[in-house]
């Protein structure tokens, strides 16, 4: 197999360390595979689908795997919150199922972790739905800096206003200060 195949195996399919995962899903590794390698990768990604790792679903969506649709729909039923959003996005990428928008709109408010929320926030504009855009506008005014900042980025807006808005607020580390 080629160097690109080795990279896919190491840095995508079997990536399980912080240095390998810190920058997000390396979808470009799939783009570099030959046609034959991509077919093998598709089978391996389908086999790797689980409710504990969004990367296989994201990869299958990226390569628009029709073969994966039954497994993706089955996984969708088992997932919740950010994982469900990731799987719904993968399905939407493959077949543009507009029902995935309703699932995303239902799941986003349930995501309690701001880090999980911002991880899926950049996917939202790809749905090209006014309800999703409106939800991003709501998140743009969220009291959590990272949520508001990433919502502005997802909307394609300048983040300068978000930064200015938060500069005047008491820093989180000063909340516990006795001063």
Protein backbone atom coordinates (compact mmCIF):
# COMPACT_ATOMS: atom_id res chain seq x y z
CA UNK A 1 0.00 0.00 0.00
CA UNK A 2 1.00 3.62 -0.46
CA UNK A 3 2.25 6.22 2.00
CA UNK A 4 -1.21 7.85 1.84
CA UNK A 5 -2.79 4.57 2.93
CA UNK A 6 -0.38 4.32 5.86
CA UNK A 7 -1.21 7.89 6.88
CA UNK A 8 -4.94 7.15 6.70
CA UNK A 9 -4.50 4.06 8.86
CA UNK A 10 -2.34 5.81 11.45
CA UNK A 11 -3.75 9.32 11.59
CA UNK A 12 -7.43 8.71 10.83
CA UNK A 13 -8.67 5.18 11.34
CA UNK A 14 -6.45 4.34 14.32
CA UNK A 15 -5.88 7.84 15.67
CA UNK A 16 -6.35 7.69 19.41
CA UNK A 17 -3.90 10.16 20.91
CA UNK A 18 -4.29 13.86 21.64
CA UNK A 19 -1.64 14.92 19.09
CA UNK A 20 -3.45 12.94 16.39
CA UNK A 21 -6.90 14.29 17.26
CA UNK A 22 -6.32 17.84 18.47
CA UNK A 23 -6.79 19.47 15.07
CA UNK A 24 -10.02 17.68 14.17
CA UNK A 25 -10.96 15.14 11.54
CA UNK A 26 -8.23 14.92 8.85
CA UNK A 27 -10.60 14.50 5.92
CA UNK A 28 -7.84 15.42 3.47
CA UNK A 29 -6.30 12.01 4.15
CA UNK A 30 -9.31 10.42 2.45
CA UNK A 31 -8.93 12.75 -0.52
CA UNK A 32 -5.35 11.56 -1.06
CA UNK A 33 -6.26 7.88 -1.36
CA UNK A 34 -6.42 6.11 -4.70
CA UNK A 35 -9.78 4.83 -5.91
CA UNK A 36 -8.94 1.30 -4.73
CA UNK A 37 -7.67 2.52 -1.36
CA UNK A 38 -10.77 4.65 -0.88
CA UNK A 39 -12.98 1.59 -1.45
CA UNK A 40 -11.00 -0.29 1.22
CA UNK A 41 -11.17 2.72 3.54
CA UNK A 42 -14.94 2.89 3.04
CA UNK A 43 -15.32 -0.71 4.22
CA UNK A 44 -13.06 -0.12 7.21
CA UNK A 45 -14.89 3.06 8.18
CA UNK A 46 -18.26 1.28 8.02
CA UNK A 47 -16.85 -1.45 10.26
CA UNK A 48 -15.48 1.17 12.66
CA UNK A 49 -18.81 3.02 13.09
CA UNK A 50 -19.74 3.35 16.75
CA UNK A 51 -21.52 5.77 19.03
CA UNK A 52 -18.22 6.57 20.72
CA UNK A 53 -16.29 8.06 17.80
CA UNK A 54 -17.58 10.52 15.21
CA UNK A 55 -14.59 10.25 12.88
CA UNK A 56 -15.74 7.17 10.91
CA UNK A 57 -19.16 8.73 10.29
CA UNK A 58 -17.58 12.03 9.28
CA UNK A 59 -15.26 10.20 6.89
CA UNK A 60 -18.12 8.29 5.30
CA UNK A 61 -20.08 11.50 4.83
CA UNK A 62 -17.05 13.16 3.29
CA UNK A 63 -16.64 10.43 0.67
CA UNK A 64 -20.43 10.38 0.18
CA UNK A 65 -20.69 6.67 0.85
CA UNK A 66 -24.05 5.34 -0.33
CA UNK A 67 -22.92 1.92 0.88
CA UNK A 68 -22.74 3.27 4.45
CA UNK A 69 -26.26 4.74 4.58
CA UNK A 70 -27.98 1.73 6.23
CA UNK A 71 -25.28 1.59 8.92
CA UNK A 72 -25.39 5.37 9.41
CA UNK A 73 -29.17 5.39 9.83
CA UNK A 74 -28.88 2.51 12.32
CA UNK A 75 -26.19 4.38 14.26
CA UNK A 76 -28.30 7.55 14.24
CA UNK A 77 -30.94 5.74 16.32
CA UNK A 78 -28.36 4.84 18.99
CA UNK A 79 -26.73 8.26 19.34
CA UNK A 80 -27.55 11.48 21.05
CA UNK A 81 -26.37 15.06 21.27
CA UNK A 82 -23.12 15.90 19.43
CA UNK A 83 -22.63 12.37 18.12
CA UNK A 84 -26.15 12.39 16.69
CA UNK A 85 -25.41 15.74 15.01
CA UNK A 86 -22.24 14.29 13.47
CA UNK A 87 -24.07 11.22 12.15
CA UNK A 88 -26.97 13.33 10.85
CA UNK A 89 -24.46 15.54 9.06
CA UNK A 90 -22.79 12.50 7.48
CA UNK A 91 -26.16 11.24 6.23
CA UNK A 92 -27.01 14.70 4.90
CA UNK A 93 -23.72 14.84 3.01
CA UNK A 94 -24.52 11.55 1.30
CA UNK A 95 -28.19 11.94 0.34
CA UNK A 96 -29.31 15.45 1.40
CA UNK A 97 -32.02 14.01 3.65
CA UNK A 98 -33.73 17.19 4.92
CA UNK A 99 -35.02 15.25 7.93
CA UNK A 100 -31.49 15.49 9.29
CA UNK A 101 -32.01 19.23 9.80
CA UNK A 102 -34.85 18.53 12.25
CA UNK A 103 -32.66 16.06 14.12
CA UNK A 104 -29.85 18.60 14.36
CA UNK A 105 -32.23 21.30 15.59
CA UNK A 106 -33.59 18.93 18.25
CA UNK A 107 -30.17 17.75 19.45
CA UNK A 108 -28.17 20.99 19.57
CA UNK A 109 -29.94 22.44 22.64
CA UNK A 110 -29.28 19.18 24.49
CA UNK A 111 -25.51 19.48 24.13
CA UNK A 112 -24.31 20.59 27.55
CA UNK A 113 -20.58 20.71 26.95
CA UNK A 114 -19.47 23.87 25.20
CA UNK A 115 -16.54 21.96 23.71
CA UNK A 116 -18.85 19.36 22.19
CA UNK A 117 -21.08 22.15 20.90
CA UNK A 118 -18.29 24.09 19.22
CA UNK A 119 -16.97 20.86 17.70
CA UNK A 120 -20.18 20.51 15.65
CA UNK A 121 -20.97 24.20 15.23
CA UNK A 122 -18.82 24.61 12.11
CA UNK A 123 -20.90 21.91 10.36
CA UNK A 124 -24.14 23.84 10.71
CA UNK A 125 -23.85 26.31 7.80
CA UNK A 126 -23.55 23.36 5.42
CA UNK A 127 -27.21 22.50 6.03
CA UNK A 128 -28.20 25.79 4.37
CA UNK A 129 -31.39 26.04 6.37
CA UNK A 130 -32.75 29.32 7.79
CA UNK A 131 -33.70 27.62 11.08
CA UNK A 132 -30.13 26.46 11.57
CA UNK A 133 -28.83 29.92 10.71
CA UNK A 134 -31.21 31.43 13.27
CA UNK A 135 -29.98 29.01 15.92
CA UNK A 136 -26.40 30.04 15.13
CA UNK A 137 -27.46 33.67 15.63
CA UNK A 138 -28.81 32.73 19.06
CA UNK A 139 -25.53 31.00 19.90
CA UNK A 140 -23.69 34.10 18.67
CA UNK A 141 -25.06 35.85 21.78
CA UNK A 142 -24.37 32.95 24.17
CA UNK A 143 -22.89 33.86 27.55
CA UNK A 144 -20.04 31.39 26.96
CA UNK A 145 -17.22 33.07 25.07
CA UNK A 146 -16.13 30.05 23.01
CA UNK A 147 -19.70 29.31 21.95
CA UNK A 148 -20.35 32.91 20.89
CA UNK A 149 -16.97 33.17 19.16
CA UNK A 150 -17.41 29.95 17.17
CA UNK A 151 -21.00 30.82 16.27
CA UNK A 152 -19.76 34.09 14.78
CA UNK A 153 -17.14 32.18 12.79
CA UNK A 154 -19.75 29.66 11.59
CA UNK A 155 -21.93 32.56 10.44
CA UNK A 156 -18.98 34.04 8.55
CA UNK A 157 -19.02 37.13 10.75
CA UNK A 158 -16.09 38.98 12.21
CA UNK A 159 -15.24 37.83 15.71
CA UNK A 160 -14.13 41.33 16.74
CA UNK A 161 -17.51 42.21 18.25
CA UNK A 162 -17.57 38.98 20.26
CA UNK A 163 -14.12 39.74 21.63
CA UNK A 164 -15.12 43.32 22.51
CA UNK A 165 -18.34 42.14 24.16
CA UNK A 166 -16.47 39.74 26.40
CA UNK A 167 -13.57 42.05 27.27
CA UNK A 168 -15.84 44.03 29.56
CA UNK A 169 -16.98 40.99 31.50
CA UNK A 170 -15.35 39.69 34.64
CA UNK A 171 -12.87 36.96 33.76
CA UNK A 172 -13.85 33.47 34.90
CA UNK A 173 -10.73 33.10 37.04
CA UNK A 174 -11.57 36.30 38.93
CA UNK A 175 -14.98 35.01 39.98
CA UNK A 176 -13.35 33.00 42.76
CA UNK A 177 -11.01 35.78 43.85
CA UNK A 178 -11.63 37.43 47.24
CA UNK A 179 -10.66 40.87 45.88
